[in-house]
Amino acid sequence: MVVVEDVAAEFSARVVRAFRERVGEIFSIALSGGDTARECYERLARESSEAIDWLSVNVYWGDERCVPGDDPDSNQLLGRKALLERVGAANAVYPMNCQEGPDAYQLRLSSIERLDVVHLGMGPDGHTASLFPGSAALEADPGQLVVMSEDLTGRNRLARMTLSLSGIARSRQVIFTVAGESKRDAMAALLAGDDIPAARVSADKVTWIVDHEALGR
């Protein structure tokens, strides 16, 4: 766990490093959603113009709300506005589409060896991507890389498509970014070893970037 003053700056630096150390010619990254993700992508866009060749980057998403791509709640829209439109163009962009269903996105992911980076956040309830506490999506079969999901509590009202735990685990690196006092209880649960969805995430490398407000004193 890395505790920093500026989560977005640390995220940007680590994505740049991952790009430089990439295994193949094409670098693949799965984007997230939320206010912290927006700040991270805006910073990455500003700091990567010379460090990253975006024509060597394929962009995916880790989860998506079942809304049109131009809806304000869309993670696709956030990623395009905060990052992709600012860097100009990527090699390929693969948004999730609930109407196509999870099998289509699973087929796309299965066509590549692994994702280089999956960017994740954590909600106040400990959810990550769209894997909510008590959701059947948490118990998806190992072969299911992409699943539909919903928040049974109703706090997050929209149906979702999301990478499963197995889908996330196929990445070379997961980078969590967690900022703000609203995440403090979830961070305390994580550090206490509670069984929250974010605690179940695995990959070759899992990095937590957390600010002092989220961690508490």
C-alpha atoms as a PDB file:
ATOM      1  CA  MET A   1       0.000   0.000   0.000  1.00  0.00           C
ATOM      2  CA  VAL A   2       1.286   3.433  -0.985  1.00  0.00           C
ATOM      3  CA  VAL A   3       0.000   6.362   1.093  1.00  0.00           C
ATOM      4  CA  VAL A   4       0.338   9.672  -0.745  1.00  0.00           C
ATOM      5  CA  GLU A   5      -0.879  13.237  -0.758  1.00  0.00           C
ATOM      6  CA  ASP A   6      -1.714  13.163  -4.471  1.00  0.00           C
ATOM      7  CA  VAL A   7      -3.365   9.924  -5.590  1.00  0.00           C
ATOM      8  CA  ALA A   8      -3.762  11.031  -9.212  1.00  0.00           C
ATOM      9  CA  ALA A   9      -0.075  11.910  -9.592  1.00  0.00           C
ATOM     10  CA  GLU A  10       1.002   8.528  -8.217  1.00  0.00           C
ATOM     11  CA  PHE A  11      -1.457   6.733 -10.481  1.00  0.00           C
ATOM     12  CA  SER A  12      -0.157   8.572 -13.531  1.00  0.00           C
ATOM     13  CA  ALA A  13       3.450   7.745 -12.682  1.00  0.00           C
ATOM     14  CA  ARG A  14       2.668   4.055 -12.244  1.00  0.00           C
ATOM     15  CA  VAL A  15       0.775   3.768 -15.520  1.00  0.00           C
ATOM     16  CA  VAL A  16       3.659   5.438 -17.338  1.00  0.00           C
ATOM     17  CA  ARG A  17       6.059   2.975 -15.714  1.00  0.00           C
ATOM     18  CA  ALA A  18       3.843   0.034 -16.654  1.00  0.00           C
ATOM     19  CA  PHE A  19       3.770   1.243 -20.265  1.00  0.00           C
ATOM     20  CA  ARG A  20       7.560   1.487 -20.384  1.00  0.00           C
ATOM     21  CA  GLU A  21       7.867  -2.026 -18.928  1.00  0.00           C
ATOM     22  CA  ARG A  22       5.136  -3.580 -21.108  1.00  0.00           C
ATOM     23  CA  VAL A  23       5.650  -7.123 -22.310  1.00  0.00           C
ATOM     24  CA  GLY A  24       4.375  -6.750 -25.862  1.00  0.00           C
ATOM     25  CA  GLU A  25       4.130  -4.048 -28.483  1.00  0.00           C
ATOM     26  CA  ILE A  26       0.550  -3.168 -27.469  1.00  0.00           C
ATOM     27  CA  PHE A  27      -0.255  -1.988 -23.948  1.00  0.00           C
ATOM     28  CA  SER A  28      -3.752  -2.756 -22.644  1.00  0.00           C
ATOM     29  CA  ILE A  29      -5.497  -0.906 -19.836  1.00  0.00           C
ATOM     30  CA  ALA A  30      -8.992  -1.239 -18.364  1.00  0.00           C
ATOM     31  CA  LEU A  31     -10.529   1.981 -17.084  1.00  0.00           C
ATOM     32  CA  SER A  32     -12.782   2.617 -14.111  1.00  0.00           C
ATOM     33  CA  GLY A  33     -15.364   5.234 -13.130  1.00  0.00           C
ATOM     34  CA  GLY A  34     -15.992   7.750 -10.383  1.00  0.00           C
ATOM     35  CA  ASP A  35     -14.596  11.078  -9.250  1.00  0.00           C
ATOM     36  CA  THR A  36     -11.190   9.705  -8.254  1.00  0.00           C
ATOM     37  CA  ALA A  37     -10.844   7.962 -11.613  1.00  0.00           C
ATOM     38  CA  ARG A  38     -11.698  11.201 -13.398  1.00  0.00           C
ATOM     39  CA  GLU A  39      -8.896  13.023 -11.564  1.00  0.00           C
ATOM     40  CA  CYS A  40      -6.490  10.180 -12.327  1.00  0.00           C
ATOM     41  CA  TYR A  41      -7.258  10.207 -16.053  1.00  0.00           C
ATOM     42  CA  GLU A  42      -7.032  13.955 -16.353  1.00  0.00           C
ATOM     43  CA  ARG A  43      -3.611  13.847 -14.698  1.00  0.00           C
ATOM     44  CA  LEU A  44      -2.488  10.937 -16.872  1.00  0.00           C
ATOM     45  CA  ALA A  45      -3.576  12.824 -19.988  1.00  0.00           C
ATOM     46  CA  ARG A  46      -1.505  15.855 -18.967  1.00  0.00           C
ATOM     47  CA  GLU A  47       1.601  13.907 -18.047  1.00  0.00           C
ATOM     48  CA  SER A  48       1.721  11.186 -20.697  1.00  0.00           C
ATOM     49  CA  SER A  49       1.980  13.103 -23.972  1.00  0.00           C
ATOM     50  CA  GLU A  50       5.664  12.260 -24.348  1.00  0.00           C
ATOM     51  CA  ALA A  51       5.858   9.251 -22.027  1.00  0.00           C
ATOM     52  CA  ILE A  52       3.145   7.112 -23.659  1.00  0.00           C
ATOM     53  CA  ASP A  53       2.602   6.369 -27.329  1.00  0.00           C
ATOM     54  CA  TRP A  54      -1.183   6.162 -27.240  1.00  0.00           C
ATOM     55  CA  LEU A  55      -1.232   4.574 -30.692  1.00  0.00           C
ATOM     56  CA  SER A  56       0.266   1.546 -28.929  1.00  0.00           C
ATOM     57  CA  VAL A  57      -2.522   1.412 -26.306  1.00  0.00           C
ATOM     58  CA  ASN A  58      -5.741  -0.590 -26.342  1.00  0.00           C
ATOM     59  CA  VAL A  59      -8.384   0.696 -23.927  1.00  0.00           C
ATOM     60  CA  TYR A  60     -10.972  -1.484 -22.191  1.00  0.00           C
ATOM     61  CA  TRP A  61     -13.327  -0.933 -19.264  1.00  0.00           C
ATOM     62  CA  GLY A  62     -13.538  -2.824 -15.997  1.00  0.00           C
ATOM     63  CA  ASP A  63     -17.243  -2.152 -15.548  1.00  0.00           C
ATOM     64  CA  GLU A  64     -20.079  -0.133 -16.977  1.00  0.00           C
ATOM     65  CA  ARG A  65     -23.553   1.016 -16.052  1.00  0.00           C
ATOM     66  CA  CYS A  66     -26.316  -0.104 -18.390  1.00  0.00           C
ATOM     67  CA  VAL A  67     -26.928   3.325 -19.904  1.00  0.00           C
ATOM     68  CA  PRO A  68     -26.192   4.828 -23.338  1.00  0.00           C
ATOM     69  CA  GLY A  69     -22.580   5.750 -23.986  1.00  0.00           C
ATOM     70  CA  ASP A  70     -23.365   9.465 -23.877  1.00  0.00           C
ATOM     71  CA  ASP A  71     -25.244   9.286 -20.569  1.00  0.00           C
ATOM     72  CA  PRO A  72     -23.663  11.252 -17.694  1.00  0.00           C
ATOM     73  CA  ASP A  73     -23.580   8.025 -15.638  1.00  0.00           C
ATOM     74  CA  SER A  74     -21.544   6.199 -18.297  1.00  0.00           C
ATOM     75  CA  ASN A  75     -18.006   5.145 -17.439  1.00  0.00           C
ATOM     76  CA  GLN A  76     -17.304   5.178 -21.164  1.00  0.00           C
ATOM     77  CA  LEU A  77     -18.194   8.870 -21.324  1.00  0.00           C
ATOM     78  CA  LEU A  78     -15.982   9.625 -18.331  1.00  0.00           C
ATOM     79  CA  GLY A  79     -13.032   7.815 -19.870  1.00  0.00           C
ATOM     80  CA  ARG A  80     -13.452   9.539 -23.206  1.00  0.00           C
ATOM     81  CA  LYS A  81     -13.823  13.040 -21.757  1.00  0.00           C
ATOM     82  CA  ALA A  82     -11.169  12.774 -19.044  1.00  0.00           C
ATOM     83  CA  LEU A  83      -8.554  10.821 -20.998  1.00  0.00           C
ATOM     84  CA  LEU A  84      -9.082   9.739 -24.582  1.00  0.00           C
ATOM     85  CA  GLU A  85     -10.186  13.056 -26.062  1.00  0.00           C
ATOM     86  CA  ARG A  86      -7.263  14.728 -24.304  1.00  0.00           C
ATOM     87  CA  VAL A  87      -4.578  12.382 -25.637  1.00  0.00           C
ATOM     88  CA  GLY A  88      -5.963  12.376 -29.166  1.00  0.00           C
ATOM     89  CA  ALA A  89      -6.344   8.728 -30.086  1.00  0.00           C
ATOM     90  CA  ALA A  90      -5.583   5.240 -28.873  1.00  0.00           C
ATOM     91  CA  ASN A  91      -4.789   2.195 -30.975  1.00  0.00           C
ATOM     92  CA  ALA A  92      -8.217   0.699 -30.175  1.00  0.00           C
ATOM     93  CA  VAL A  93     -11.056   1.477 -27.761  1.00  0.00           C
ATOM     94  CA  TYR A  94     -13.417  -1.240 -26.528  1.00  0.00           C
ATOM     95  CA  PRO A  95     -16.293   0.071 -24.383  1.00  0.00           C
ATOM     96  CA  MET A  96     -18.634  -2.320 -22.615  1.00  0.00           C
ATOM     97  CA  ASN A  97     -22.168  -2.552 -23.981  1.00  0.00           C
ATOM     98  CA  CYS A  98     -24.871  -4.112 -21.813  1.00  0.00           C
ATOM     99  CA  GLN A  99     -27.105  -4.707 -24.837  1.00  0.00           C
ATOM    100  CA  GLU A 100     -24.457  -6.943 -26.371  1.00  0.00           C
ATOM    101  CA  GLY A 101     -24.224  -8.905 -23.131  1.00  0.00           C
ATOM    102  CA  PRO A 102     -21.202 -10.190 -21.230  1.00  0.00           C
ATOM    103  CA  ASP A 103     -20.371 -12.994 -23.675  1.00  0.00           C
ATOM    104  CA  ALA A 104     -19.379 -10.540 -26.404  1.00  0.00           C
ATOM    105  CA  TYR A 105     -16.973  -8.707 -24.096  1.00  0.00           C
ATOM    106  CA  GLN A 106     -15.648 -11.989 -22.739  1.00  0.00           C
ATOM    107  CA  LEU A 107     -14.866 -13.082 -26.288  1.00  0.00           C
ATOM    108  CA  ARG A 108     -12.966  -9.854 -26.879  1.00  0.00           C
ATOM    109  CA  LEU A 109     -10.924 -10.278 -23.692  1.00  0.00           C
ATOM    110  CA  SER A 110     -10.262 -13.922 -24.477  1.00  0.00           C
ATOM    111  CA  SER A 111      -8.626 -12.874 -27.739  1.00  0.00           C
ATOM    112  CA  ILE A 112      -5.734 -11.250 -25.852  1.00  0.00           C
ATOM    113  CA  GLU A 113      -3.326 -12.916 -23.489  1.00  0.00           C
ATOM    114  CA  ARG A 114      -3.748 -10.552 -20.551  1.00  0.00           C
ATOM    115  CA  LEU A 115      -4.595  -6.989 -19.615  1.00  0.00           C
ATOM    116  CA  ASP A 116      -1.493  -5.051 -18.586  1.00  0.00           C
ATOM    117  CA  VAL A 117      -3.276  -2.784 -16.095  1.00  0.00           C
ATOM    118  CA  VAL A 118      -6.741  -2.844 -14.552  1.00  0.00           C
ATOM    119  CA  HIS A 119      -7.602   0.364 -12.724  1.00  0.00           C
ATOM    120  CA  LEU A 120     -10.041  -0.058  -9.831  1.00  0.00           C
ATOM    121  CA  GLY A 121     -11.582   2.103  -7.151  1.00  0.00           C
ATOM    122  CA  MET A 122     -13.410   1.156  -3.984  1.00  0.00           C
ATOM    123  CA  GLY A 123     -16.822   2.297  -2.840  1.00  0.00           C
ATOM    124  CA  PRO A 124     -17.786   3.177   0.738  1.00  0.00           C
ATOM    125  CA  ASP A 125     -19.353  -0.297   1.011  1.00  0.00           C
ATOM    126  CA  GLY A 126     -16.155  -2.020  -0.138  1.00  0.00           C
ATOM    127  CA  HIS A 127     -17.329  -2.781  -3.664  1.00  0.00           C
ATOM    128  CA  THR A 128     -14.918  -2.573  -6.576  1.00  0.00           C
ATOM    129  CA  ALA A 129     -15.663  -2.501 -10.304  1.00  0.00           C
ATOM    130  CA  SER A 130     -19.367  -3.473 -10.055  1.00  0.00           C
ATOM    131  CA  LEU A 131     -18.801  -6.332  -7.638  1.00  0.00           C
ATOM    132  CA  PHE A 132     -21.097  -5.433  -4.754  1.00  0.00           C
ATOM    133  CA  PRO A 133     -21.353  -7.083  -1.325  1.00  0.00           C
ATOM    134  CA  GLY A 134     -23.638 -10.095  -1.575  1.00  0.00           C
ATOM    135  CA  SER A 135     -23.808  -9.972  -5.364  1.00  0.00           C
ATOM    136  CA  ALA A 136     -23.968 -13.241  -7.264  1.00  0.00           C
ATOM    137  CA  ALA A 137     -21.299 -11.765  -9.530  1.00  0.00           C
ATOM    138  CA  LEU A 138     -18.769 -12.401  -6.756  1.00  0.00           C
ATOM    139  CA  GLU A 139     -19.386 -16.127  -7.099  1.00  0.00           C
ATOM    140  CA  ALA A 140     -19.072 -16.343 -10.872  1.00  0.00           C
ATOM    141  CA  ASP A 141     -17.460 -19.472 -12.261  1.00  0.00           C
ATOM    142  CA  PRO A 142     -13.699 -19.128 -12.857  1.00  0.00           C
ATOM    143  CA  GLY A 143     -14.263 -19.273 -16.609  1.00  0.00           C
ATOM    144  CA  GLN A 144     -16.614 -16.284 -16.553  1.00  0.00           C
ATOM    145  CA  LEU A 145     -14.482 -13.208 -17.142  1.00  0.00           C
ATOM    146  CA  VAL A 146     -17.400 -10.784 -17.599  1.00  0.00           C
ATOM    147  CA  VAL A 147     -20.769 -10.884 -15.822  1.00  0.00           C
ATOM    148  CA  MET A 148     -23.880  -8.817 -15.217  1.00  0.00           C
ATOM    149  CA  SER A 149     -24.299  -7.414 -11.726  1.00  0.00           C
ATOM    150  CA  GLU A 150     -26.560  -5.366  -9.484  1.00  0.00           C
ATOM    151  CA  ASP A 151     -26.433  -3.844  -6.024  1.00  0.00           C
ATOM    152  CA  LEU A 152     -29.009  -5.737  -3.970  1.00  0.00           C
ATOM    153  CA  THR A 153     -29.217  -2.886  -1.453  1.00  0.00           C
ATOM    154  CA  GLY A 154     -30.488  -0.493  -4.112  1.00  0.00           C
ATOM    155  CA  ARG A 155     -27.892   2.164  -3.245  1.00  0.00           C
ATOM    156  CA  ASN A 156     -26.468   1.821  -6.745  1.00  0.00           C
ATOM    157  CA  ARG A 157     -29.638   1.708  -8.767  1.00  0.00           C
ATOM    158  CA  LEU A 158     -28.433   0.873 -12.264  1.00  0.00           C
ATOM    159  CA  ALA A 159     -27.750  -2.605 -13.595  1.00  0.00           C
ATOM    160  CA  ARG A 160     -24.103  -3.147 -14.519  1.00  0.00           C
ATOM    161  CA  MET A 161     -21.680  -5.179 -16.582  1.00  0.00           C
ATOM    162  CA  THR A 162     -18.370  -5.925 -14.896  1.00  0.00           C
ATOM    163  CA  LEU A 163     -15.205  -7.922 -14.996  1.00  0.00           C
ATOM    164  CA  SER A 164     -15.500 -10.828 -12.584  1.00  0.00           C
ATOM    165  CA  LEU A 165     -12.829 -11.601 -10.026  1.00  0.00           C
ATOM    166  CA  SER A 166     -11.413 -14.089 -12.551  1.00  0.00           C
ATOM    167  CA  GLY A 167     -11.446 -11.443 -15.263  1.00  0.00           C
ATOM    168  CA  ILE A 168      -9.540  -9.037 -13.055  1.00  0.00           C
ATOM    169  CA  ALA A 169      -7.097 -11.762 -12.042  1.00  0.00           C
ATOM    170  CA  ARG A 170      -5.986 -12.158 -15.672  1.00  0.00           C
ATOM    171  CA  SER A 171      -4.257  -8.792 -15.474  1.00  0.00           C
ATOM    172  CA  ARG A 172      -0.574  -8.258 -14.940  1.00  0.00           C
ATOM    173  CA  GLN A 173      -1.238  -5.403 -12.545  1.00  0.00           C
ATOM    174  CA  VAL A 174      -4.208  -4.004 -10.651  1.00  0.00           C
ATOM    175  CA  ILE A 175      -3.958  -0.412  -9.447  1.00  0.00           C
ATOM    176  CA  PHE A 176      -6.467   0.662  -6.813  1.00  0.00           C
ATOM    177  CA  THR A 177      -6.924   4.386  -6.211  1.00  0.00           C
ATOM    178  CA  VAL A 178      -8.785   5.381  -3.046  1.00  0.00           C
ATOM    179  CA  ALA A 179      -9.255   8.973  -1.910  1.00  0.00           C
ATOM    180  CA  GLY A 180     -11.409  10.879   0.541  1.00  0.00           C
ATOM    181  CA  GLU A 181     -12.867  10.508   3.994  1.00  0.00           C
ATOM    182  CA  SER A 182     -15.953   8.723   2.639  1.00  0.00           C
ATOM    183  CA  LYS A 183     -13.771   5.650   1.986  1.00  0.00           C
ATOM    184  CA  ARG A 184     -12.367   5.507   5.524  1.00  0.00           C
ATOM    185  CA  ASP A 185     -14.707   2.795   6.843  1.00  0.00           C
ATOM    186  CA  ALA A 186     -14.079   0.613   3.798  1.00  0.00           C
ATOM    187  CA  MET A 187     -10.318   1.027   4.197  1.00  0.00           C
ATOM    188  CA  ALA A 188     -10.607   0.088   7.885  1.00  0.00           C
ATOM    189  CA  ALA A 189     -12.534  -3.039   6.902  1.00  0.00           C
ATOM    190  CA  LEU A 190      -9.920  -3.927   4.312  1.00  0.00           C
ATOM    191  CA  LEU A 191      -7.056  -3.536   6.771  1.00  0.00           C
ATOM    192  CA  ALA A 192      -8.956  -5.547   9.389  1.00  0.00           C
ATOM    193  CA  GLY A 193      -9.186  -8.455   6.967  1.00  0.00           C
ATOM    194  CA  ASP A 194     -12.947  -8.273   6.495  1.00  0.00           C
ATOM    195  CA  ASP A 195     -14.437 -10.097   3.523  1.00  0.00           C
ATOM    196  CA  ILE A 196     -15.337  -7.136   1.347  1.00  0.00           C
ATOM    197  CA  PRO A 197     -15.321  -7.423  -2.462  1.00  0.00           C
ATOM    198  CA  ALA A 198     -12.197  -5.299  -2.924  1.00  0.00           C
ATOM    199  CA  ALA A 199     -10.273  -7.606  -0.598  1.00  0.00           C
ATOM    200  CA  ARG A 200     -10.934 -10.560  -2.926  1.00  0.00           C
ATOM    201  CA  VAL A 201      -9.098  -9.024  -5.887  1.00  0.00           C
ATOM    202  CA  SER A 202      -5.961 -10.790  -7.053  1.00  0.00           C
ATOM    203  CA  ALA A 203      -3.514 -10.344  -9.928  1.00  0.00           C
ATOM    204  CA  ASP A 204       0.200 -10.762 -10.558  1.00  0.00           C
ATOM    205  CA  LYS A 205       0.631  -7.417  -8.788  1.00  0.00           C
ATOM    206  CA  VAL A 206      -1.917  -5.444  -6.787  1.00  0.00           C
ATOM    207  CA  THR A 207      -1.049  -1.868  -5.791  1.00  0.00           C
ATOM    208  CA  TRP A 208      -3.133   0.273  -3.467  1.00  0.00           C
ATOM    209  CA  ILE A 209      -2.697   4.051  -3.792  1.00  0.00           C
ATOM    210  CA  VAL A 210      -4.449   5.693  -0.857  1.00  0.00           C
ATOM    211  CA  ASP A 211      -4.548   9.229   0.491  1.00  0.00           C
ATOM    212  CA  HIS A 212      -4.406  10.217   4.174  1.00  0.00           C
ATOM    213  CA  GLU A 213      -8.109  11.118   4.273  1.00  0.00           C
ATOM    214  CA  ALA A 214      -9.140   7.622   3.199  1.00  0.00           C
ATOM    215  CA  LEU A 215      -6.673   5.897   5.492  1.00  0.00           C
ATOM    216  CA  GLY A 216      -7.414   7.952   8.583  1.00  0.00           C
ATOM    217  CA  ARG A 217      -4.866   8.668  11.258  1.00  0.00           C
END
